[in-house]
Amino acid sequence: MKFIWLKQKGRYQSGEDLFINKIHVGSYNWNSMMSRNEPDDYKKAHQYVGHCNLPGLSGKRVYEATPEVIKPFIERMATNWFAEINRDESIK
């Protein structure tokens, strides 16, 4: 499976979108929902938030400190989702 990360374009965009071919699978961006009153160690560990837009995973969020850590996590979520779909097809 070939993952393609494309920089988000537009005003106030700060992350990247994940595509498999032309299908938008997920994304990550800067975590703008953090309170100013959060402890510094929490802020450092939760600077970016990632989403996976596949059915059943659309409400799940991943928080990490850097894009280098969050990207493989979102890719694994998508890989596992497709593996589960293929497994269900072989059962029938």
N, C-alpha and C. Protein backbone atom coordinates (compact mmCIF):
# COMPACT_ATOMS: atom_id res chain seq x y z
N MET A 1 0.84 -1.16 0.00
CA MET A 1 0.00 0.00 0.00
C MET A 1 0.89 1.24 0.00
N LYS A 2 0.65 2.12 -0.94
CA LYS A 2 1.49 3.31 -1.05
C LYS A 2 0.76 4.51 -0.43
N PHE A 3 1.38 5.08 0.58
CA PHE A 3 0.83 6.25 1.25
C PHE A 3 1.44 7.51 0.66
N ILE A 4 0.61 8.52 0.47
CA ILE A 4 1.06 9.80 -0.06
C ILE A 4 0.65 10.89 0.93
N TRP A 5 1.65 11.60 1.45
CA TRP A 5 1.39 12.72 2.35
C TRP A 5 1.51 14.01 1.56
N LEU A 6 0.46 14.82 1.57
CA LEU A 6 0.46 16.10 0.88
C LEU A 6 0.22 17.23 1.88
N LYS A 7 1.03 18.26 1.76
CA LYS A 7 0.90 19.41 2.65
C LYS A 7 -0.47 20.07 2.45
N GLN A 8 -1.11 20.40 3.56
CA GLN A 8 -2.41 21.06 3.49
C GLN A 8 -2.22 22.47 2.95
N LYS A 9 -3.10 22.85 2.04
CA LYS A 9 -3.02 24.18 1.45
C LYS A 9 -4.20 25.00 1.93
N GLY A 10 -3.97 26.23 2.17
CA GLY A 10 -5.04 27.09 2.63
C GLY A 10 -4.59 27.91 3.82
N ARG A 11 -5.39 28.89 4.10
CA ARG A 11 -5.08 29.78 5.20
C ARG A 11 -5.19 29.04 6.52
N TYR A 12 -4.23 29.25 7.39
CA TYR A 12 -4.18 28.67 8.74
C TYR A 12 -4.03 27.15 8.77
N GLN A 13 -3.61 26.54 7.69
CA GLN A 13 -3.38 25.10 7.67
C GLN A 13 -1.97 24.81 8.17
N SER A 14 -1.81 23.75 8.94
CA SER A 14 -0.51 23.49 9.55
C SER A 14 -0.06 22.05 9.48
N GLY A 15 -0.73 21.22 8.70
CA GLY A 15 -0.38 19.81 8.69
C GLY A 15 -0.33 19.22 7.31
N GLU A 16 -0.59 17.91 7.26
CA GLU A 16 -0.57 17.18 5.99
C GLU A 16 -1.76 16.23 5.94
N ASP A 17 -2.18 15.91 4.72
CA ASP A 17 -3.25 14.95 4.49
C ASP A 17 -2.65 13.66 3.96
N LEU A 18 -3.23 12.54 4.37
CA LEU A 18 -2.79 11.22 3.92
C LEU A 18 -3.74 10.70 2.86
N PHE A 19 -3.16 10.28 1.74
CA PHE A 19 -3.93 9.72 0.64
C PHE A 19 -3.40 8.34 0.29
N ILE A 20 -4.32 7.46 -0.12
CA ILE A 20 -3.96 6.21 -0.78
C ILE A 20 -4.56 6.36 -2.17
N ASN A 21 -3.69 6.46 -3.17
CA ASN A 21 -4.09 6.84 -4.52
C ASN A 21 -4.78 8.20 -4.44
N LYS A 22 -6.07 8.28 -4.74
CA LYS A 22 -6.78 9.56 -4.66
C LYS A 22 -7.77 9.61 -3.49
N ILE A 23 -7.71 8.62 -2.63
CA ILE A 23 -8.65 8.54 -1.51
C ILE A 23 -8.03 9.20 -0.28
N HIS A 24 -8.75 10.16 0.27
CA HIS A 24 -8.30 10.83 1.50
C HIS A 24 -8.56 9.90 2.68
N VAL A 25 -7.48 9.52 3.37
CA VAL A 25 -7.58 8.53 4.43
C VAL A 25 -7.47 9.16 5.81
N GLY A 26 -6.64 10.17 5.96
CA GLY A 26 -6.44 10.78 7.27
C GLY A 26 -5.64 12.06 7.15
N SER A 27 -5.33 12.63 8.31
CA SER A 27 -4.55 13.87 8.33
C SER A 27 -4.01 14.11 9.73
N TYR A 28 -3.11 15.06 9.82
CA TYR A 28 -2.67 15.56 11.12
C TYR A 28 -2.47 17.06 10.99
N ASN A 29 -2.58 17.74 12.11
CA ASN A 29 -2.31 19.17 12.15
C ASN A 29 -1.98 19.59 13.58
N TRP A 30 -1.63 20.83 13.72
CA TRP A 30 -1.27 21.36 15.02
C TRP A 30 -2.49 21.35 15.93
N ASN A 31 -2.30 20.98 17.18
CA ASN A 31 -3.39 20.86 18.14
C ASN A 31 -3.76 22.25 18.67
N SER A 32 -4.79 22.83 18.10
CA SER A 32 -5.20 24.19 18.50
C SER A 32 -6.19 24.18 19.66
N MET A 33 -6.60 23.01 20.12
CA MET A 33 -7.60 22.92 21.19
C MET A 33 -6.99 22.81 22.58
N MET A 34 -5.68 22.99 22.70
CA MET A 34 -5.02 22.88 23.98
C MET A 34 -5.21 24.16 24.80
N SER A 35 -5.48 23.99 26.06
CA SER A 35 -5.65 25.13 26.95
C SER A 35 -4.30 25.74 27.32
N ARG A 36 -4.29 27.01 27.56
CA ARG A 36 -3.05 27.67 28.01
C ARG A 36 -2.66 27.21 29.40
N ASN A 37 -3.59 26.69 30.16
CA ASN A 37 -3.33 26.28 31.54
C ASN A 37 -2.80 24.86 31.67
N GLU A 38 -2.64 24.16 30.55
CA GLU A 38 -2.11 22.80 30.61
C GLU A 38 -0.64 22.82 31.06
N PRO A 39 -0.19 21.79 31.77
CA PRO A 39 1.23 21.72 32.15
C PRO A 39 2.13 21.63 30.91
N ASP A 40 3.35 22.13 31.03
CA ASP A 40 4.28 22.18 29.89
C ASP A 40 4.59 20.80 29.33
N ASP A 41 4.76 19.80 30.18
CA ASP A 41 5.07 18.46 29.66
C ASP A 41 3.90 17.89 28.86
N TYR A 42 2.68 18.22 29.24
CA TYR A 42 1.51 17.79 28.49
C TYR A 42 1.48 18.49 27.13
N LYS A 43 1.78 19.78 27.12
CA LYS A 43 1.77 20.55 25.87
C LYS A 43 2.79 19.99 24.88
N LYS A 44 3.99 19.65 25.37
CA LYS A 44 5.03 19.12 24.49
C LYS A 44 4.64 17.76 23.91
N ALA A 45 3.93 16.95 24.68
CA ALA A 45 3.57 15.60 24.23
C ALA A 45 2.33 15.59 23.33
N HIS A 46 1.57 16.67 23.31
CA HIS A 46 0.30 16.71 22.57
C HIS A 46 0.25 17.86 21.58
N GLN A 47 1.36 18.20 20.93
CA GLN A 47 1.40 19.35 20.03
C GLN A 47 0.64 19.10 18.72
N TYR A 48 0.54 17.85 18.29
CA TYR A 48 -0.13 17.54 17.03
C TYR A 48 -1.26 16.54 17.27
N VAL A 49 -2.32 16.68 16.48
CA VAL A 49 -3.46 15.76 16.57
C VAL A 49 -3.67 15.14 15.19
N GLY A 50 -3.88 13.82 15.17
CA GLY A 50 -4.09 13.11 13.92
C GLY A 50 -5.47 12.48 13.88
N HIS A 51 -6.01 12.36 12.68
CA HIS A 51 -7.33 11.77 12.47
C HIS A 51 -7.23 10.71 11.38
N CYS A 52 -8.04 9.68 11.48
CA CYS A 52 -8.18 8.70 10.41
C CYS A 52 -9.64 8.75 9.97
N ASN A 53 -9.89 9.03 8.70
CA ASN A 53 -11.24 9.28 8.22
C ASN A 53 -11.95 8.03 7.70
N LEU A 54 -11.43 6.87 7.95
CA LEU A 54 -12.06 5.63 7.48
C LEU A 54 -13.25 5.27 8.38
N PRO A 55 -14.27 4.62 7.83
CA PRO A 55 -15.45 4.25 8.63
C PRO A 55 -15.06 3.44 9.87
N GLY A 56 -15.62 3.80 10.98
CA GLY A 56 -15.31 3.14 12.23
C GLY A 56 -14.15 3.76 12.97
N LEU A 57 -13.34 4.55 12.29
CA LEU A 57 -12.19 5.20 12.92
C LEU A 57 -12.30 6.72 12.88
N SER A 58 -13.38 7.25 12.32
CA SER A 58 -13.46 8.69 12.09
C SER A 58 -13.50 9.50 13.38
N GLY A 59 -13.93 8.92 14.48
CA GLY A 59 -13.97 9.65 15.74
C GLY A 59 -12.70 9.52 16.56
N LYS A 60 -11.79 8.70 16.11
CA LYS A 60 -10.55 8.45 16.86
C LYS A 60 -9.53 9.55 16.59
N ARG A 61 -8.90 10.02 17.64
CA ARG A 61 -7.85 11.03 17.50
C ARG A 61 -6.58 10.51 18.15
N VAL A 62 -5.45 10.93 17.59
CA VAL A 62 -4.14 10.54 18.09
C VAL A 62 -3.38 11.81 18.41
N TYR A 63 -2.78 11.88 19.58
CA TYR A 63 -2.02 13.05 19.98
C TYR A 63 -0.56 12.67 20.13
N GLU A 64 0.32 13.42 19.50
CA GLU A 64 1.75 13.15 19.59
C GLU A 64 2.53 14.47 19.59
N ALA A 65 3.84 14.35 19.84
CA ALA A 65 4.68 15.53 19.96
C ALA A 65 5.19 16.05 18.62
N THR A 66 5.44 15.16 17.66
CA THR A 66 6.01 15.58 16.38
C THR A 66 5.31 14.89 15.21
N PRO A 67 5.37 15.49 14.02
CA PRO A 67 4.81 14.84 12.84
C PRO A 67 5.50 13.51 12.53
N GLU A 68 6.79 13.39 12.83
CA GLU A 68 7.53 12.17 12.54
C GLU A 68 7.00 10.99 13.35
N VAL A 69 6.40 11.25 14.49
CA VAL A 69 5.84 10.20 15.33
C VAL A 69 4.40 9.91 14.93
N ILE A 70 3.65 10.92 14.58
CA ILE A 70 2.22 10.75 14.32
C ILE A 70 1.94 10.14 12.94
N LYS A 71 2.78 10.43 11.96
CA LYS A 71 2.55 9.91 10.60
C LYS A 71 2.52 8.38 10.55
N PRO A 72 3.53 7.68 11.08
CA PRO A 72 3.49 6.21 11.05
C PRO A 72 2.30 5.63 11.82
N PHE A 73 1.88 6.32 12.87
CA PHE A 73 0.74 5.85 13.65
C PHE A 73 -0.53 5.87 12.81
N ILE A 74 -0.76 6.95 12.07
CA ILE A 74 -1.94 7.06 11.20
C ILE A 74 -1.85 6.04 10.06
N GLU A 75 -0.64 5.84 9.52
CA GLU A 75 -0.46 4.85 8.46
C GLU A 75 -0.78 3.45 8.97
N ARG A 76 -0.37 3.13 10.20
CA ARG A 76 -0.68 1.81 10.78
C ARG A 76 -2.18 1.63 10.98
N MET A 77 -2.86 2.71 11.39
CA MET A 77 -4.31 2.63 11.56
C MET A 77 -4.97 2.28 10.22
N ALA A 78 -4.55 2.93 9.15
CA ALA A 78 -5.13 2.67 7.82
C ALA A 78 -4.77 1.26 7.35
N THR A 79 -3.54 0.84 7.54
CA THR A 79 -3.11 -0.51 7.13
C THR A 79 -3.92 -1.58 7.86
N ASN A 80 -4.10 -1.41 9.15
CA ASN A 80 -4.87 -2.38 9.93
C ASN A 80 -6.33 -2.39 9.51
N TRP A 81 -6.88 -1.22 9.18
CA TRP A 81 -8.27 -1.14 8.73
C TRP A 81 -8.45 -1.93 7.44
N PHE A 82 -7.56 -1.72 6.47
CA PHE A 82 -7.66 -2.43 5.20
C PHE A 82 -7.40 -3.93 5.38
N ALA A 83 -6.50 -4.31 6.28
CA ALA A 83 -6.25 -5.72 6.54
C ALA A 83 -7.49 -6.38 7.13
N GLU A 84 -8.19 -5.68 8.00
CA GLU A 84 -9.41 -6.23 8.59
C GLU A 84 -10.51 -6.38 7.53
N ILE A 85 -10.62 -5.42 6.63
CA ILE A 85 -11.60 -5.51 5.54
C ILE A 85 -11.31 -6.74 4.67
N ASN A 86 -10.05 -6.93 4.32
CA ASN A 86 -9.67 -8.08 3.49
C ASN A 86 -9.91 -9.40 4.21
N ARG A 87 -9.67 -9.41 5.51
CA ARG A 87 -9.89 -10.62 6.31
C ARG A 87 -11.38 -10.97 6.33
N ASP A 88 -12.24 -9.98 6.49
CA ASP A 88 -13.68 -10.22 6.50
C ASP A 88 -14.17 -10.74 5.14
N GLU A 89 -13.58 -10.27 4.07
CA GLU A 89 -13.97 -10.72 2.73
C GLU A 89 -13.63 -12.21 2.54
N SER A 90 -12.52 -12.65 3.11
CA SER A 90 -12.10 -14.04 2.93
C SER A 90 -12.93 -15.01 3.78
N ILE A 91 -13.60 -14.51 4.80
CA ILE A 91 -14.43 -15.37 5.65
C ILE A 91 -15.69 -15.78 4.94
N LYS A 92 -16.25 -14.90 4.13
CA LYS A 92 -17.54 -15.15 3.46
C LYS A 92 -17.46 -16.25 2.43
